[in-house]
Amino acid sequence: MAEMGSHETELTKTTSGAEHDRRIAAVNYACASVGLEGFSLSAADEEHAQRFINGDIDLEEFVQPPRALASPKA
């Protein structure tokens, strides 16, 4: 998989340089961990991770399960 964070545009620079770098490192670490478990990310997963890196979403939204897989509330 290509390194996340390499597809920046001027519109996506909403985090500081240090925060942006921290997010890239965190996403790359998570992707490597997932890969070691034998899984791979879908294109939608990669796009979601890129949104986190870009600062479009925060950590709380990033770690939420996809809506389609979330269990219904009782």
PDB file of N, CA and C in Angstrom:
ATOM      1  N   MET A   1       0.843  -1.172   0.000  1.00  0.00           N
ATOM      2  CA  MET A   1       0.000   0.000   0.000  1.00  0.00           C
ATOM      3  C   MET A   1       0.888   1.235   0.000  1.00  0.00           C
ATOM      4  N   ALA A   2       0.509   2.253  -0.731  1.00  0.00           N
ATOM      5  CA  ALA A   2       1.268   3.503  -0.758  1.00  0.00           C
ATOM      6  C   ALA A   2       1.164   4.189   0.591  1.00  0.00           C
ATOM      7  N   GLU A   3       2.176   4.952   0.911  1.00  0.00           N
ATOM      8  CA  GLU A   3       2.173   5.664   2.187  1.00  0.00           C
ATOM      9  C   GLU A   3       1.034   6.665   2.213  1.00  0.00           C
ATOM     10  N   MET A   4       0.250   6.615   3.293  1.00  0.00           N
ATOM     11  CA  MET A   4      -0.857   7.544   3.445  1.00  0.00           C
ATOM     12  C   MET A   4      -0.291   8.937   3.658  1.00  0.00           C
ATOM     13  N   GLY A   5      -1.046   9.937   3.279  1.00  0.00           N
ATOM     14  CA  GLY A   5      -0.643  11.306   3.510  1.00  0.00           C
ATOM     15  C   GLY A   5       0.047  11.951   2.330  1.00  0.00           C
ATOM     16  N   SER A   6       0.201  11.245   1.256  1.00  0.00           N
ATOM     17  CA  SER A   6       0.936  11.786   0.121  1.00  0.00           C
ATOM     18  C   SER A   6       0.035  12.502  -0.883  1.00  0.00           C
ATOM     19  N   HIS A   7      -1.272  12.524  -0.651  1.00  0.00           N
ATOM     20  CA  HIS A   7      -2.204  13.117  -1.608  1.00  0.00           C
ATOM     21  C   HIS A   7      -2.805  14.402  -1.055  1.00  0.00           C
ATOM     22  N   GLU A   8      -1.968  15.359  -0.678  1.00  0.00           N
ATOM     23  CA  GLU A   8      -2.442  16.608  -0.123  1.00  0.00           C
ATOM     24  C   GLU A   8      -2.882  17.571  -1.211  1.00  0.00           C
ATOM     25  N   THR A   9      -3.811  18.420  -0.855  1.00  0.00           N
ATOM     26  CA  THR A   9      -4.150  19.562  -1.686  1.00  0.00           C
ATOM     27  C   THR A   9      -4.126  20.773  -0.775  1.00  0.00           C
ATOM     28  N   GLU A  10      -4.179  21.960  -1.343  1.00  0.00           N
ATOM     29  CA  GLU A  10      -4.186  23.163  -0.518  1.00  0.00           C
ATOM     30  C   GLU A  10      -5.423  23.215   0.361  1.00  0.00           C
ATOM     31  N   LEU A  11      -6.519  22.629  -0.064  1.00  0.00           N
ATOM     32  CA  LEU A  11      -7.749  22.659   0.718  1.00  0.00           C
ATOM     33  C   LEU A  11      -7.696  21.746   1.933  1.00  0.00           C
ATOM     34  N   THR A  12      -6.779  20.797   1.970  1.00  0.00           N
ATOM     35  CA  THR A  12      -6.767  19.820   3.047  1.00  0.00           C
ATOM     36  C   THR A  12      -5.785  20.153   4.160  1.00  0.00           C
ATOM     37  N   LYS A  13      -5.102  21.272   4.079  1.00  0.00           N
ATOM     38  CA  LYS A  13      -4.119  21.620   5.097  1.00  0.00           C
ATOM     39  C   LYS A  13      -4.810  22.282   6.293  1.00  0.00           C
ATOM     40  N   THR A  14      -5.547  21.498   7.065  1.00  0.00           N
ATOM     41  CA  THR A  14      -6.281  22.033   8.201  1.00  0.00           C
ATOM     42  C   THR A  14      -5.630  21.669   9.529  1.00  0.00           C
ATOM     43  N   THR A  15      -4.545  20.913   9.531  1.00  0.00           N
ATOM     44  CA  THR A  15      -3.833  20.577  10.754  1.00  0.00           C
ATOM     45  C   THR A  15      -2.431  21.163  10.689  1.00  0.00           C
ATOM     46  N   SER A  16      -1.839  21.360  11.871  1.00  0.00           N
ATOM     47  CA  SER A  16      -0.476  21.879  11.909  1.00  0.00           C
ATOM     48  C   SER A  16       0.475  20.847  11.319  1.00  0.00           C
ATOM     49  N   GLY A  17       1.665  21.280  10.983  1.00  0.00           N
ATOM     50  CA  GLY A  17       2.648  20.367  10.416  1.00  0.00           C
ATOM     51  C   GLY A  17       2.953  19.205  11.338  1.00  0.00           C
ATOM     52  N   ALA A  18       3.152  19.487  12.627  1.00  0.00           N
ATOM     53  CA  ALA A  18       3.468  18.428  13.585  1.00  0.00           C
ATOM     54  C   ALA A  18       2.289  17.473  13.762  1.00  0.00           C
ATOM     55  N   GLU A  19       1.088  18.016  13.832  1.00  0.00           N
ATOM     56  CA  GLU A  19      -0.105  17.164  13.987  1.00  0.00           C
ATOM     57  C   GLU A  19      -0.312  16.326  12.731  1.00  0.00           C
ATOM     58  N   HIS A  20      -0.117  16.917  11.594  1.00  0.00           N
ATOM     59  CA  HIS A  20      -0.262  16.199  10.326  1.00  0.00           C
ATOM     60  C   HIS A  20       0.719  15.031  10.276  1.00  0.00           C
ATOM     61  N   ASP A  21       1.967  15.286  10.648  1.00  0.00           N
ATOM     62  CA  ASP A  21       2.986  14.229  10.661  1.00  0.00           C
ATOM     63  C   ASP A  21       2.642  13.138  11.661  1.00  0.00           C
ATOM     64  N   ARG A  22       2.104  13.530  12.818  1.00  0.00           N
ATOM     65  CA  ARG A  22       1.712  12.555  13.833  1.00  0.00           C
ATOM     66  C   ARG A  22       0.590  11.664  13.302  1.00  0.00           C
ATOM     67  N   ARG A  23      -0.358  12.266  12.610  1.00  0.00           N
ATOM     68  CA  ARG A  23      -1.473  11.491  12.056  1.00  0.00           C
ATOM     69  C   ARG A  23      -1.004  10.532  10.964  1.00  0.00           C
ATOM     70  N   ILE A  24      -0.085  10.980  10.131  1.00  0.00           N
ATOM     71  CA  ILE A  24       0.464  10.098   9.100  1.00  0.00           C
ATOM     72  C   ILE A  24       1.153   8.902   9.754  1.00  0.00           C
ATOM     73  N   ALA A  25       1.968   9.167  10.764  1.00  0.00           N
ATOM     74  CA  ALA A  25       2.682   8.086  11.448  1.00  0.00           C
ATOM     75  C   ALA A  25       1.702   7.111  12.090  1.00  0.00           C
ATOM     76  N   ALA A  26       0.644   7.628  12.711  1.00  0.00           N
ATOM     77  CA  ALA A  26      -0.338   6.768  13.370  1.00  0.00           C
ATOM     78  C   ALA A  26      -1.084   5.894  12.360  1.00  0.00           C
ATOM     79  N   VAL A  27      -1.480   6.479  11.241  1.00  0.00           N
ATOM     80  CA  VAL A  27      -2.201   5.727  10.213  1.00  0.00           C
ATOM     81  C   VAL A  27      -1.286   4.693   9.574  1.00  0.00           C
ATOM     82  N   ASN A  28      -0.047   5.064   9.291  1.00  0.00           N
ATOM     83  CA  ASN A  28       0.889   4.097   8.709  1.00  0.00           C
ATOM     84  C   ASN A  28       1.132   2.930   9.658  1.00  0.00           C
ATOM     85  N   TYR A  29       1.257   3.209  10.948  1.00  0.00           N
ATOM     86  CA  TYR A  29       1.447   2.158  11.947  1.00  0.00           C
ATOM     87  C   TYR A  29       0.228   1.226  11.973  1.00  0.00           C
ATOM     88  N   ALA A  30      -0.965   1.826  11.973  1.00  0.00           N
ATOM     89  CA  ALA A  30      -2.192   1.023  11.989  1.00  0.00           C
ATOM     90  C   ALA A  30      -2.311   0.171  10.723  1.00  0.00           C
ATOM     91  N   CYS A  31      -1.983   0.741   9.577  1.00  0.00           N
ATOM     92  CA  CYS A  31      -2.043  -0.017   8.313  1.00  0.00           C
ATOM     93  C   CYS A  31      -1.069  -1.186   8.332  1.00  0.00           C
ATOM     94  N   ALA A  32       0.129  -0.958   8.871  1.00  0.00           N
ATOM     95  CA  ALA A  32       1.107  -2.039   8.966  1.00  0.00           C
ATOM     96  C   ALA A  32       0.610  -3.128   9.909  1.00  0.00           C
ATOM     97  N   SER A  33       0.016  -2.735  11.007  1.00  0.00           N
ATOM     98  CA  SER A  33      -0.508  -3.697  11.972  1.00  0.00           C
ATOM     99  C   SER A  33      -1.612  -4.546  11.350  1.00  0.00           C
ATOM    100  N   VAL A  34      -2.510  -3.895  10.632  1.00  0.00           N
ATOM    101  CA  VAL A  34      -3.602  -4.601   9.954  1.00  0.00           C
ATOM    102  C   VAL A  34      -3.020  -5.573   8.923  1.00  0.00           C
ATOM    103  N   GLY A  35      -2.011  -5.118   8.199  1.00  0.00           N
ATOM    104  CA  GLY A  35      -1.373  -5.969   7.194  1.00  0.00           C
ATOM    105  C   GLY A  35      -0.712  -7.190   7.809  1.00  0.00           C
ATOM    106  N   LEU A  36      -0.085  -7.016   8.976  1.00  0.00           N
ATOM    107  CA  LEU A  36       0.547  -8.151   9.650  1.00  0.00           C
ATOM    108  C   LEU A  36      -0.473  -9.186  10.110  1.00  0.00           C
ATOM    109  N   GLU A  37      -1.693  -8.753  10.326  1.00  0.00           N
ATOM    110  CA  GLU A  37      -2.766  -9.674  10.714  1.00  0.00           C
ATOM    111  C   GLU A  37      -3.376 -10.373   9.507  1.00  0.00           C
ATOM    112  N   GLY A  38      -2.916 -10.013   8.315  1.00  0.00           N
ATOM    113  CA  GLY A  38      -3.391 -10.671   7.104  1.00  0.00           C
ATOM    114  C   GLY A  38      -4.564  -9.987   6.430  1.00  0.00           C
ATOM    115  N   PHE A  39      -4.873  -8.770   6.860  1.00  0.00           N
ATOM    116  CA  PHE A  39      -5.992  -8.027   6.275  1.00  0.00           C
ATOM    117  C   PHE A  39      -5.444  -6.912   5.397  1.00  0.00           C
ATOM    118  N   SER A  40      -6.300  -6.370   4.567  1.00  0.00           N
ATOM    119  CA  SER A  40      -5.917  -5.205   3.772  1.00  0.00           C
ATOM    120  C   SER A  40      -7.059  -4.198   3.823  1.00  0.00           C
ATOM    121  N   LEU A  41      -6.719  -2.937   3.622  1.00  0.00           N
ATOM    122  CA  LEU A  41      -7.715  -1.877   3.656  1.00  0.00           C
ATOM    123  C   LEU A  41      -8.393  -1.741   2.303  1.00  0.00           C
ATOM    124  N   SER A  42      -9.671  -1.451   2.352  1.00  0.00           N
ATOM    125  CA  SER A  42     -10.409  -1.171   1.120  1.00  0.00           C
ATOM    126  C   SER A  42     -10.101   0.265   0.695  1.00  0.00           C
ATOM    127  N   ALA A  43     -10.510   0.599  -0.496  1.00  0.00           N
ATOM    128  CA  ALA A  43     -10.336   1.972  -0.975  1.00  0.00           C
ATOM    129  C   ALA A  43     -11.091   2.940  -0.066  1.00  0.00           C
ATOM    130  N   ALA A  44     -12.264   2.547   0.404  1.00  0.00           N
ATOM    131  CA  ALA A  44     -13.043   3.398   1.311  1.00  0.00           C
ATOM    132  C   ALA A  44     -12.309   3.596   2.638  1.00  0.00           C
ATOM    133  N   ASP A  45     -11.664   2.532   3.145  1.00  0.00           N
ATOM    134  CA  ASP A  45     -10.885   2.645   4.375  1.00  0.00           C
ATOM    135  C   ASP A  45      -9.718   3.615   4.189  1.00  0.00           C
ATOM    136  N   GLU A  46      -9.057   3.520   3.058  1.00  0.00           N
ATOM    137  CA  GLU A  46      -7.929   4.412   2.780  1.00  0.00           C
ATOM    138  C   GLU A  46      -8.389   5.859   2.658  1.00  0.00           C
ATOM    139  N   GLU A  47      -9.529   6.076   2.036  1.00  0.00           N
ATOM    140  CA  GLU A  47     -10.081   7.427   1.921  1.00  0.00           C
ATOM    141  C   GLU A  47     -10.443   7.977   3.295  1.00  0.00           C
ATOM    142  N   HIS A  48     -11.022   7.123   4.143  1.00  0.00           N
ATOM    143  CA  HIS A  48     -11.393   7.519   5.504  1.00  0.00           C
ATOM    144  C   HIS A  48     -10.136   7.908   6.290  1.00  0.00           C
ATOM    145  N   ALA A  49      -9.084   7.118   6.169  1.00  0.00           N
ATOM    146  CA  ALA A  49      -7.819   7.420   6.840  1.00  0.00           C
ATOM    147  C   ALA A  49      -7.242   8.738   6.327  1.00  0.00           C
ATOM    148  N   GLN A  50      -7.345   8.975   5.040  1.00  0.00           N
ATOM    149  CA  GLN A  50      -6.828  10.221   4.474  1.00  0.00           C
ATOM    150  C   GLN A  50      -7.598  11.419   5.008  1.00  0.00           C
ATOM    151  N   ARG A  51      -8.893  11.265   5.207  1.00  0.00           N
ATOM    152  CA  ARG A  51      -9.697  12.351   5.791  1.00  0.00           C
ATOM    153  C   ARG A  51      -9.217  12.681   7.201  1.00  0.00           C
ATOM    154  N   PHE A  52      -8.838  11.663   7.975  1.00  0.00           N
ATOM    155  CA  PHE A  52      -8.293  11.886   9.312  1.00  0.00           C
ATOM    156  C   PHE A  52      -6.953  12.614   9.215  1.00  0.00           C
ATOM    157  N   ILE A  53      -6.086  12.157   8.340  1.00  0.00           N
ATOM    158  CA  ILE A  53      -4.776  12.790   8.164  1.00  0.00           C
ATOM    159  C   ILE A  53      -4.938  14.258   7.782  1.00  0.00           C
ATOM    160  N   ASN A  54      -5.866  14.529   6.892  1.00  0.00           N
ATOM    161  CA  ASN A  54      -6.080  15.893   6.405  1.00  0.00           C
ATOM    162  C   ASN A  54      -6.712  16.806   7.448  1.00  0.00           C
ATOM    163  N   GLY A  55      -7.246  16.230   8.516  1.00  0.00           N
ATOM    164  CA  GLY A  55      -7.893  17.041   9.540  1.00  0.00           C
ATOM    165  C   GLY A  55      -9.365  17.268   9.278  1.00  0.00           C
ATOM    166  N   ASP A  56      -9.928  16.550   8.298  1.00  0.00           N
ATOM    167  CA  ASP A  56     -11.352  16.689   7.998  1.00  0.00           C
ATOM    168  C   ASP A  56     -12.221  16.064   9.082  1.00  0.00           C
ATOM    169  N   ILE A  57     -11.685  15.050   9.779  1.00  0.00           N
ATOM    170  CA  ILE A  57     -12.391  14.405  10.876  1.00  0.00           C
ATOM    171  C   ILE A  57     -11.423  14.265  12.044  1.00  0.00           C
ATOM    172  N   ASP A  58     -11.962  14.141  13.254  1.00  0.00           N
ATOM    173  CA  ASP A  58     -11.111  13.978  14.428  1.00  0.00           C
ATOM    174  C   ASP A  58     -10.958  12.493  14.758  1.00  0.00           C
ATOM    175  N   LEU A  59     -10.155  12.207  15.774  1.00  0.00           N
ATOM    176  CA  LEU A  59      -9.871  10.817  16.131  1.00  0.00           C
ATOM    177  C   LEU A  59     -11.138  10.063  16.514  1.00  0.00           C
ATOM    178  N   GLU A  60     -12.031  10.714  17.252  1.00  0.00           N
ATOM    179  CA  GLU A  60     -13.275  10.051  17.669  1.00  0.00           C
ATOM    180  C   GLU A  60     -14.088   9.564  16.473  1.00  0.00           C
ATOM    181  N   GLU A  61     -14.216  10.396  15.448  1.00  0.00           N
ATOM    182  CA  GLU A  61     -14.952   9.987  14.248  1.00  0.00           C
ATOM    183  C   GLU A  61     -14.178   8.941  13.446  1.00  0.00           C
ATOM    184  N   PHE A  62     -12.853   9.078  13.429  1.00  0.00           N
ATOM    185  CA  PHE A  62     -12.021   8.152  12.665  1.00  0.00           C
ATOM    186  C   PHE A  62     -12.146   6.718  13.171  1.00  0.00           C
ATOM    187  N   VAL A  63     -12.202   6.525  14.470  1.00  0.00           N
ATOM    188  CA  VAL A  63     -12.208   5.171  15.018  1.00  0.00           C
ATOM    189  C   VAL A  63     -13.600   4.558  15.121  1.00  0.00           C
ATOM    190  N   GLN A  64     -14.636   5.293  14.763  1.00  0.00           N
ATOM    191  CA  GLN A  64     -15.987   4.734  14.782  1.00  0.00           C
ATOM    192  C   GLN A  64     -16.124   3.681  13.688  1.00  0.00           C
ATOM    193  N   PRO A  65     -16.838   2.595  13.985  1.00  0.00           N
ATOM    194  CA  PRO A  65     -17.034   1.571  12.948  1.00  0.00           C
ATOM    195  C   PRO A  65     -17.895   2.144  11.812  1.00  0.00           C
ATOM    196  N   PRO A  66     -17.713   1.609  10.614  1.00  0.00           N
ATOM    197  CA  PRO A  66     -18.545   2.050   9.493  1.00  0.00           C
ATOM    198  C   PRO A  66     -20.026   1.870   9.825  1.00  0.00           C
ATOM    199  N   ARG A  67     -20.831   2.776   9.365  1.00  0.00           N
ATOM    200  CA  ARG A  67     -22.268   2.759   9.675  1.00  0.00           C
ATOM    201  C   ARG A  67     -22.917   1.424   9.304  1.00  0.00           C
ATOM    202  N   ALA A  68     -22.528   0.847   8.187  1.00  0.00           N
ATOM    203  CA  ALA A  68     -23.139  -0.398   7.725  1.00  0.00           C
ATOM    204  C   ALA A  68     -22.836  -1.570   8.650  1.00  0.00           C
ATOM    205  N   LEU A  69     -21.717  -1.511   9.383  1.00  0.00           N
ATOM    206  CA  LEU A  69     -21.337  -2.604  10.248  1.00  0.00           C
ATOM    207  C   LEU A  69     -21.675  -2.345  11.704  1.00  0.00           C
ATOM    208  N   ALA A  70     -22.059  -1.129  12.024  1.00  0.00           N
ATOM    209  CA  ALA A  70     -22.363  -0.803  13.420  1.00  0.00           C
ATOM    210  C   ALA A  70     -23.604  -1.556  13.871  1.00  0.00           C
ATOM    211  N   SER A  71     -23.558  -2.065  15.076  1.00  0.00           N
ATOM    212  CA  SER A  71     -24.706  -2.819  15.586  1.00  0.00           C
ATOM    213  C   SER A  71     -25.837  -1.864  15.941  1.00  0.00           C
ATOM    214  N   PRO A  72     -27.076  -2.266  15.656  1.00  0.00           N
ATOM    215  CA  PRO A  72     -28.217  -1.400  15.959  1.00  0.00           C
ATOM    216  C   PRO A  72     -28.389  -1.276  17.465  1.00  0.00           C
ATOM    217  N   LYS A  73     -28.850  -0.103  17.880  1.00  0.00           N
ATOM    218  CA  LYS A  73     -29.090   0.122  19.305  1.00  0.00           C
ATOM    219  C   LYS A  73     -30.413  -0.499  19.690  1.00  0.00           C
ATOM    220  N   ALA A  74     -30.424  -1.086  20.870  1.00  0.00           N
ATOM    221  CA  ALA A  74     -31.643  -1.752  21.356  1.00  0.00           C
ATOM    222  C   ALA A  74     -32.581  -0.763  21.999  1.00  0.00           C
TER     223      ALA A  74
END
